[in-house]
Amino acid sequence: MKTGKVYFFAIIVLQLLFQACGPSYDEQRRLNRQERQRLAREDSAAFKVAVLPTIDCLPIFVAKYHNLYDTAKVDLRLKAFSAQMDCDTALMNARVEAGVTDLVRAERMQKLGTGLYYLSATGAYWQLIGNRQSRIKQLKQLDDKMMAMTRYSVTDMLGDMAVDSVKLTDERVFRVQINDVRLRLKMLENNEMDAMWLPEPQATRARMLRHNVIADSRKMNVASGAIVVRKTIYDDKTRKPQIEAFVNAYNAAVDSIAKFGVQHYGNLVAKYCAVDEKTVAKLPKDLKFKHMAPPEERDIEQAKKYIH
């Protein structure tokens, strides 16, 4: 009995000692709150870039993964999204400083009141893929078929151009808004959609599955990929060193990709774009990336005319 009492009191003493040594509940809450506030301040001061699971973002992935930027000047953070609309919402709600988008989406955002500066064009392109199960090999076969796209985006504009080129009426081609590019590809794989606009590397995956390319934005003379910065950020002198560091890092990544090739960074393509190694291996050999330079005025006007 005495042994049991001694054991019981020993436990009580140990508990009291642990409580005395460790922070109280209120103290722990205060520390957690301070940590959250510190992290929030760091995130607010960082240069956050909204990215998509597409190959035109590769220089940004390379710059971040290989720390090609001056960490003393910029805390570069990537915010990944699967849908253009989510990417753009982050820009419009000031949750990121910059983002990858297309000119049609950018002009739409500006029309809605979000000031943007065109930091650079990208080499993004889109292919209209016809489902082989639907036996779509030509644009005219889109009659009475479903086409996946994103409203108020370059895929919306390209869809109009494709339909008009074969004199189909809008009512004869059913536009289905599928914003998530990975979900769009999955619907093609499951034969749930007749046709869809896909960027790289998703277009490569579709071609590997023997679906048909029936239109290509490059042949339609449409160049719409863009990297934008919120105007308030671009005009902020304290942010200038961040933007310069980001541009330098991007250009260094472009040089590295040109030197070693896209396949050298296949692990980053697989990781950020959620595709397998076989798809990465089949990417077009002529993929090129250029140093940052603003989009051509002709391309901006084309997008602006479509939106307005």
Protein backbone atom coordinates (compact mmCIF):
# COMPACT_ATOMS: atom_id res chain seq x y z
CA MET A 1 0.00 0.00 0.00
CA LYS A 2 2.80 2.36 0.96
CA THR A 3 4.61 1.57 -2.28
CA GLY A 4 1.46 2.45 -4.24
CA LYS A 5 1.12 5.80 -2.45
CA VAL A 6 4.77 6.64 -3.09
CA TYR A 7 4.33 5.81 -6.77
CA PHE A 8 1.17 7.93 -6.98
CA PHE A 9 2.79 10.97 -5.36
CA ALA A 10 5.86 10.58 -7.58
CA ILE A 11 3.65 10.88 -10.66
CA ILE A 12 1.99 14.01 -9.23
CA VAL A 13 5.38 15.59 -8.57
CA LEU A 14 6.62 14.79 -12.08
CA GLN A 15 3.48 16.32 -13.61
CA LEU A 16 3.96 19.49 -11.59
CA LEU A 17 7.58 19.68 -12.66
CA PHE A 18 6.66 19.29 -16.36
CA GLN A 19 3.99 21.98 -16.03
CA ALA A 20 6.45 24.32 -14.33
CA CYS A 21 9.08 23.79 -17.01
CA GLY A 22 6.79 23.99 -20.05
CA PRO A 23 4.81 27.01 -21.29
CA SER A 24 1.31 27.49 -19.99
CA TYR A 25 -1.69 27.14 -22.28
CA ASP A 26 -2.08 30.92 -22.50
CA GLU A 27 1.65 31.32 -23.13
CA GLN A 28 1.53 28.69 -25.88
CA ARG A 29 -1.38 30.50 -27.55
CA ARG A 30 0.52 33.77 -27.38
CA LEU A 31 3.60 32.16 -28.94
CA ASN A 32 1.50 30.57 -31.69
CA ARG A 33 -0.14 33.91 -32.43
CA GLN A 34 3.22 35.65 -32.62
CA GLU A 35 4.52 32.96 -34.97
CA ARG A 36 1.47 33.31 -37.21
CA GLN A 37 1.90 37.09 -37.27
CA ARG A 38 5.59 36.71 -38.15
CA LEU A 39 4.81 34.30 -40.99
CA ALA A 40 2.05 36.61 -42.24
CA ARG A 41 4.46 39.56 -42.32
CA GLU A 42 7.03 37.53 -44.23
CA ASP A 43 4.44 36.33 -46.72
CA SER A 44 3.14 39.86 -47.22
CA ALA A 45 6.65 41.15 -47.95
CA ALA A 46 7.55 38.24 -50.25
CA PHE A 47 7.24 38.35 -54.05
CA LYS A 48 4.54 35.77 -54.75
CA VAL A 49 3.95 34.50 -58.28
CA ALA A 50 0.82 32.58 -59.33
CA VAL A 51 1.77 29.70 -61.62
CA LEU A 52 -0.08 27.05 -63.60
CA PRO A 53 0.80 23.40 -64.39
CA THR A 54 1.93 24.37 -67.90
CA ILE A 55 5.26 24.28 -69.70
CA ASP A 56 5.45 28.07 -70.18
CA CYS A 57 6.05 28.30 -66.41
CA LEU A 58 9.20 26.15 -66.63
CA PRO A 59 11.69 29.06 -66.33
CA ILE A 60 9.93 30.13 -63.14
CA PHE A 61 10.06 26.58 -61.76
CA VAL A 62 13.76 26.34 -62.59
CA ALA A 63 14.53 29.76 -61.07
CA LYS A 64 12.80 28.84 -57.83
CA TYR A 65 14.01 25.26 -57.50
CA HIS A 66 17.65 26.11 -58.24
CA ASN A 67 17.68 29.43 -56.33
CA LEU A 68 18.79 31.46 -59.33
CA TYR A 69 17.76 34.71 -57.66
CA ASP A 70 19.39 37.05 -55.15
CA THR A 71 17.83 35.95 -51.87
CA ALA A 72 18.94 39.20 -50.27
CA LYS A 73 16.71 41.11 -52.69
CA VAL A 74 13.71 38.82 -53.10
CA ASP A 75 11.90 36.11 -51.19
CA LEU A 76 10.39 34.38 -54.23
CA ARG A 77 7.37 32.21 -53.50
CA LEU A 78 5.29 30.25 -56.00
CA LYS A 79 1.54 29.88 -55.56
CA ALA A 80 0.37 26.97 -57.70
CA PHE A 81 -3.10 26.79 -59.25
CA SER A 82 -4.64 24.32 -61.71
CA ALA A 83 -7.13 26.76 -63.25
CA GLN A 84 -6.49 30.10 -64.91
CA MET A 85 -9.47 31.65 -63.16
CA ASP A 86 -8.04 30.77 -59.73
CA CYS A 87 -4.69 32.19 -60.76
CA ASP A 88 -6.34 35.42 -61.87
CA THR A 89 -8.53 35.63 -58.77
CA ALA A 90 -5.35 35.59 -56.68
CA LEU A 91 -4.09 38.56 -58.72
CA MET A 92 -7.36 40.46 -58.48
CA ASN A 93 -7.57 39.91 -54.71
CA ALA A 94 -3.93 40.98 -54.21
CA ARG A 95 -2.90 37.60 -52.80
CA VAL A 96 0.03 37.50 -55.24
CA GLU A 97 2.22 40.17 -56.80
CA ALA A 98 2.58 38.57 -60.23
CA GLY A 99 1.15 35.71 -62.24
CA VAL A 100 1.16 33.72 -65.45
CA THR A 101 -1.94 34.23 -67.57
CA ASP A 102 -2.97 35.01 -71.16
CA LEU A 103 -3.62 38.37 -72.78
CA VAL A 104 -7.36 37.88 -73.04
CA ARG A 105 -7.63 37.08 -69.34
CA ALA A 106 -5.33 40.01 -68.53
CA GLU A 107 -7.40 42.47 -70.55
CA ARG A 108 -10.52 41.11 -68.86
CA MET A 109 -8.99 41.70 -65.41
CA GLN A 110 -8.05 45.25 -66.35
CA LYS A 111 -11.54 45.89 -67.64
CA LEU A 112 -12.84 44.80 -64.24
CA GLY A 113 -10.54 47.27 -62.48
CA THR A 114 -7.31 45.39 -61.71
CA GLY A 115 -4.37 47.40 -63.02
CA LEU A 116 -1.69 45.19 -64.57
CA TYR A 117 1.73 45.69 -66.12
CA TYR A 118 2.87 43.30 -68.84
CA LEU A 119 6.22 42.07 -67.59
CA SER A 120 6.74 39.57 -70.41
CA ALA A 121 5.25 37.45 -73.14
CA THR A 122 5.69 33.69 -72.94
CA GLY A 123 5.89 31.04 -75.64
CA ALA A 124 2.65 29.38 -74.56
CA TYR A 125 0.49 27.86 -77.29
CA TRP A 126 -2.74 25.88 -77.33
CA GLN A 127 -3.93 23.00 -79.47
CA LEU A 128 -7.51 22.00 -80.11
CA ILE A 129 -7.64 18.25 -79.58
CA GLY A 130 -10.43 16.17 -81.12
CA ASN A 131 -11.39 13.00 -79.28
CA ARG A 132 -10.59 10.00 -81.48
CA GLN A 133 -13.57 8.14 -79.99
CA SER A 134 -15.79 10.94 -81.33
CA ARG A 135 -13.99 10.61 -84.69
CA ILE A 136 -13.20 14.31 -84.83
CA LYS A 137 -10.37 14.97 -87.26
CA GLN A 138 -11.46 18.28 -88.77
CA LEU A 139 -12.94 21.51 -87.43
CA LYS A 140 -16.18 21.07 -89.36
CA GLN A 141 -16.79 17.87 -87.38
CA LEU A 142 -17.32 19.97 -84.24
CA ASP A 143 -20.92 20.35 -85.37
CA ASP A 144 -23.22 19.28 -82.51
CA LYS A 145 -20.20 18.45 -80.33
CA MET A 146 -18.90 19.61 -76.93
CA MET A 147 -15.73 21.72 -76.74
CA ALA A 148 -14.01 22.37 -73.39
CA MET A 149 -12.52 25.83 -72.80
CA THR A 150 -12.37 28.70 -70.30
CA ARG A 151 -14.60 31.72 -70.70
CA TYR A 152 -12.95 35.13 -71.22
CA SER A 153 -9.62 33.48 -72.01
CA VAL A 154 -7.52 32.86 -75.09
CA THR A 155 -9.22 29.45 -75.45
CA ASP A 156 -12.55 31.27 -75.70
CA MET A 157 -11.20 33.50 -78.45
CA LEU A 158 -9.52 30.61 -80.26
CA GLY A 159 -12.77 28.63 -80.08
CA ASP A 160 -14.64 31.47 -81.77
CA MET A 161 -11.98 31.77 -84.45
CA ALA A 162 -12.00 28.02 -85.13
CA VAL A 163 -15.79 27.80 -85.35
CA ASP A 164 -16.00 30.89 -87.57
CA SER A 165 -13.32 29.55 -89.92
CA VAL A 166 -15.57 26.64 -90.96
CA LYS A 167 -18.75 28.73 -90.83
CA LEU A 168 -20.39 26.81 -88.00
CA THR A 169 -22.89 28.76 -85.91
CA ASP A 170 -22.23 29.18 -82.19
CA GLU A 171 -25.39 27.22 -81.40
CA ARG A 172 -24.00 24.16 -83.17
CA VAL A 173 -20.88 23.89 -80.98
CA PHE A 174 -21.51 23.48 -77.26
CA ARG A 175 -18.93 25.37 -75.21
CA VAL A 176 -18.30 23.67 -71.87
CA GLN A 177 -16.35 25.63 -69.28
CA ILE A 178 -13.73 23.39 -67.69
CA ASN A 179 -11.25 25.70 -66.00
CA ASP A 180 -8.90 23.14 -64.44
CA VAL A 181 -6.52 22.09 -67.21
CA ARG A 182 -5.69 18.79 -65.50
CA LEU A 183 -9.38 17.95 -65.11
CA ARG A 184 -9.90 18.86 -68.76
CA LEU A 185 -7.26 16.36 -69.81
CA LYS A 186 -8.74 13.70 -67.53
CA MET A 187 -12.12 14.17 -69.20
CA LEU A 188 -10.48 13.51 -72.56
CA GLU A 189 -8.80 10.39 -71.20
CA ASN A 190 -12.19 9.18 -69.95
CA ASN A 191 -13.93 10.07 -73.24
CA GLU A 192 -16.20 12.56 -71.50
CA MET A 193 -15.54 15.42 -73.92
CA ASP A 194 -15.50 15.66 -77.72
CA ALA A 195 -12.83 18.33 -78.07
CA MET A 196 -10.79 20.69 -75.93
CA TRP A 197 -8.07 23.33 -75.97
CA LEU A 198 -4.91 22.17 -74.21
CA PRO A 199 -1.51 23.79 -73.58
CA GLU A 200 1.72 21.87 -73.09
CA PRO A 201 2.46 19.38 -71.59
CA GLN A 202 -1.20 18.31 -71.51
CA ALA A 203 -1.40 18.51 -75.31
CA THR A 204 1.53 16.10 -75.57
CA ARG A 205 -0.28 13.63 -73.33
CA ALA A 206 -3.38 13.88 -75.53
CA ARG A 207 -1.35 13.24 -78.69
CA MET A 208 0.29 10.22 -77.05
CA LEU A 209 -3.21 8.81 -76.54
CA ARG A 210 -3.71 9.19 -80.32
CA HIS A 211 -6.25 11.97 -80.14
CA ASN A 212 -6.25 14.38 -83.07
CA VAL A 213 -4.87 17.91 -83.30
CA ILE A 214 -7.42 19.85 -85.33
CA ALA A 215 -6.21 23.42 -84.65
CA ASP A 216 -3.10 25.13 -83.29
CA SER A 217 -2.89 28.70 -81.96
CA ARG A 218 0.50 29.18 -83.66
CA LYS A 219 -1.00 28.48 -87.09
CA MET A 220 -3.85 30.85 -86.20
CA ASN A 221 -1.30 33.63 -85.59
CA VAL A 222 -2.27 33.97 -81.92
CA ALA A 223 0.43 34.56 -79.29
CA SER A 224 -1.20 35.17 -75.94
CA GLY A 225 0.96 33.84 -73.09
CA ALA A 226 1.90 36.53 -70.58
CA ILE A 227 3.46 37.23 -67.20
CA VAL A 228 1.85 40.17 -65.44
CA VAL A 229 2.57 42.21 -62.31
CA ARG A 230 -0.07 44.14 -60.43
CA LYS A 231 0.32 47.83 -61.32
CA THR A 232 0.43 48.92 -57.69
CA ILE A 233 3.38 46.57 -57.16
CA TYR A 234 5.19 47.70 -60.30
CA ASP A 235 4.84 51.35 -59.24
CA ASP A 236 6.05 50.64 -55.68
CA LYS A 237 9.71 51.69 -55.40
CA THR A 238 10.31 49.30 -52.52
CA ARG A 239 9.28 46.42 -54.79
CA LYS A 240 11.57 47.38 -57.68
CA PRO A 241 14.53 45.29 -56.43
CA GLN A 242 12.22 42.27 -56.13
CA ILE A 243 10.96 42.65 -59.69
CA GLU A 244 14.50 43.11 -61.02
CA ALA A 245 15.68 40.02 -59.13
CA PHE A 246 12.76 38.02 -60.47
CA VAL A 247 13.48 39.11 -64.06
CA ASN A 248 17.18 38.27 -63.69
CA ALA A 249 16.35 34.86 -62.23
CA TYR A 250 13.90 34.13 -65.05
CA ASN A 251 16.46 35.07 -67.69
CA ALA A 252 19.13 32.95 -66.00
CA ALA A 253 16.70 30.01 -66.03
CA VAL A 254 16.03 30.55 -69.75
CA ASP A 255 19.79 30.46 -70.40
CA SER A 256 20.09 27.26 -68.38
CA ILE A 257 17.22 25.58 -70.26
CA ALA A 258 18.81 26.61 -73.58
CA LYS A 259 22.14 25.11 -72.45
CA PHE A 260 20.94 21.84 -70.93
CA GLY A 261 17.58 21.31 -72.68
CA VAL A 262 14.04 20.86 -71.40
CA GLN A 263 14.61 17.17 -70.67
CA HIS A 264 17.32 18.09 -68.17
CA TYR A 265 14.56 19.63 -66.08
CA GLY A 266 12.07 16.86 -66.72
CA ASN A 267 11.72 16.22 -62.99
CA LEU A 268 10.39 19.75 -62.52
CA VAL A 269 7.96 19.38 -65.42
CA ALA A 270 6.68 16.12 -63.92
CA LYS A 271 6.44 17.63 -60.44
CA TYR A 272 4.77 20.94 -61.22
CA CYS A 273 2.70 19.87 -64.24
CA ALA A 274 1.58 16.51 -62.81
CA VAL A 275 2.53 14.41 -65.83
CA ASP A 276 4.49 11.17 -66.02
CA GLU A 277 8.02 10.63 -67.32
CA LYS A 278 6.77 9.19 -70.62
CA THR A 279 4.92 12.42 -71.35
CA VAL A 280 7.97 14.49 -70.45
CA ALA A 281 10.09 12.39 -72.82
CA LYS A 282 7.64 13.05 -75.68
CA LEU A 283 7.56 16.84 -75.32
CA PRO A 284 8.28 18.66 -78.60
CA LYS A 285 11.99 19.07 -79.24
CA ASP A 286 11.51 22.60 -80.56
CA LEU A 287 10.26 24.10 -77.29
CA LYS A 288 12.00 27.45 -76.88
CA PHE A 289 12.05 30.00 -74.06
CA LYS A 290 13.07 33.63 -74.42
CA HIS A 291 14.34 36.29 -72.07
CA MET A 292 11.64 38.48 -70.62
CA ALA A 293 10.25 41.02 -73.08
CA PRO A 294 6.78 42.64 -73.24
CA PRO A 295 4.15 41.14 -75.56
CA GLU A 296 3.79 42.54 -79.06
CA GLU A 297 1.34 45.42 -79.29
CA ARG A 298 -0.53 43.58 -82.05
CA ASP A 299 -1.21 40.66 -79.70
CA ILE A 300 -2.41 42.97 -76.92
CA GLU A 301 -4.74 44.79 -79.31
CA GLN A 302 -6.14 41.49 -80.57
CA ALA A 303 -7.00 40.45 -77.01
CA LYS A 304 -8.33 43.88 -76.13
CA LYS A 305 -10.60 43.93 -79.18
CA TYR A 306 -11.99 40.52 -78.28
CA ILE A 307 -12.80 41.51 -74.70
CA HIS A 308 -14.13 44.99 -75.42
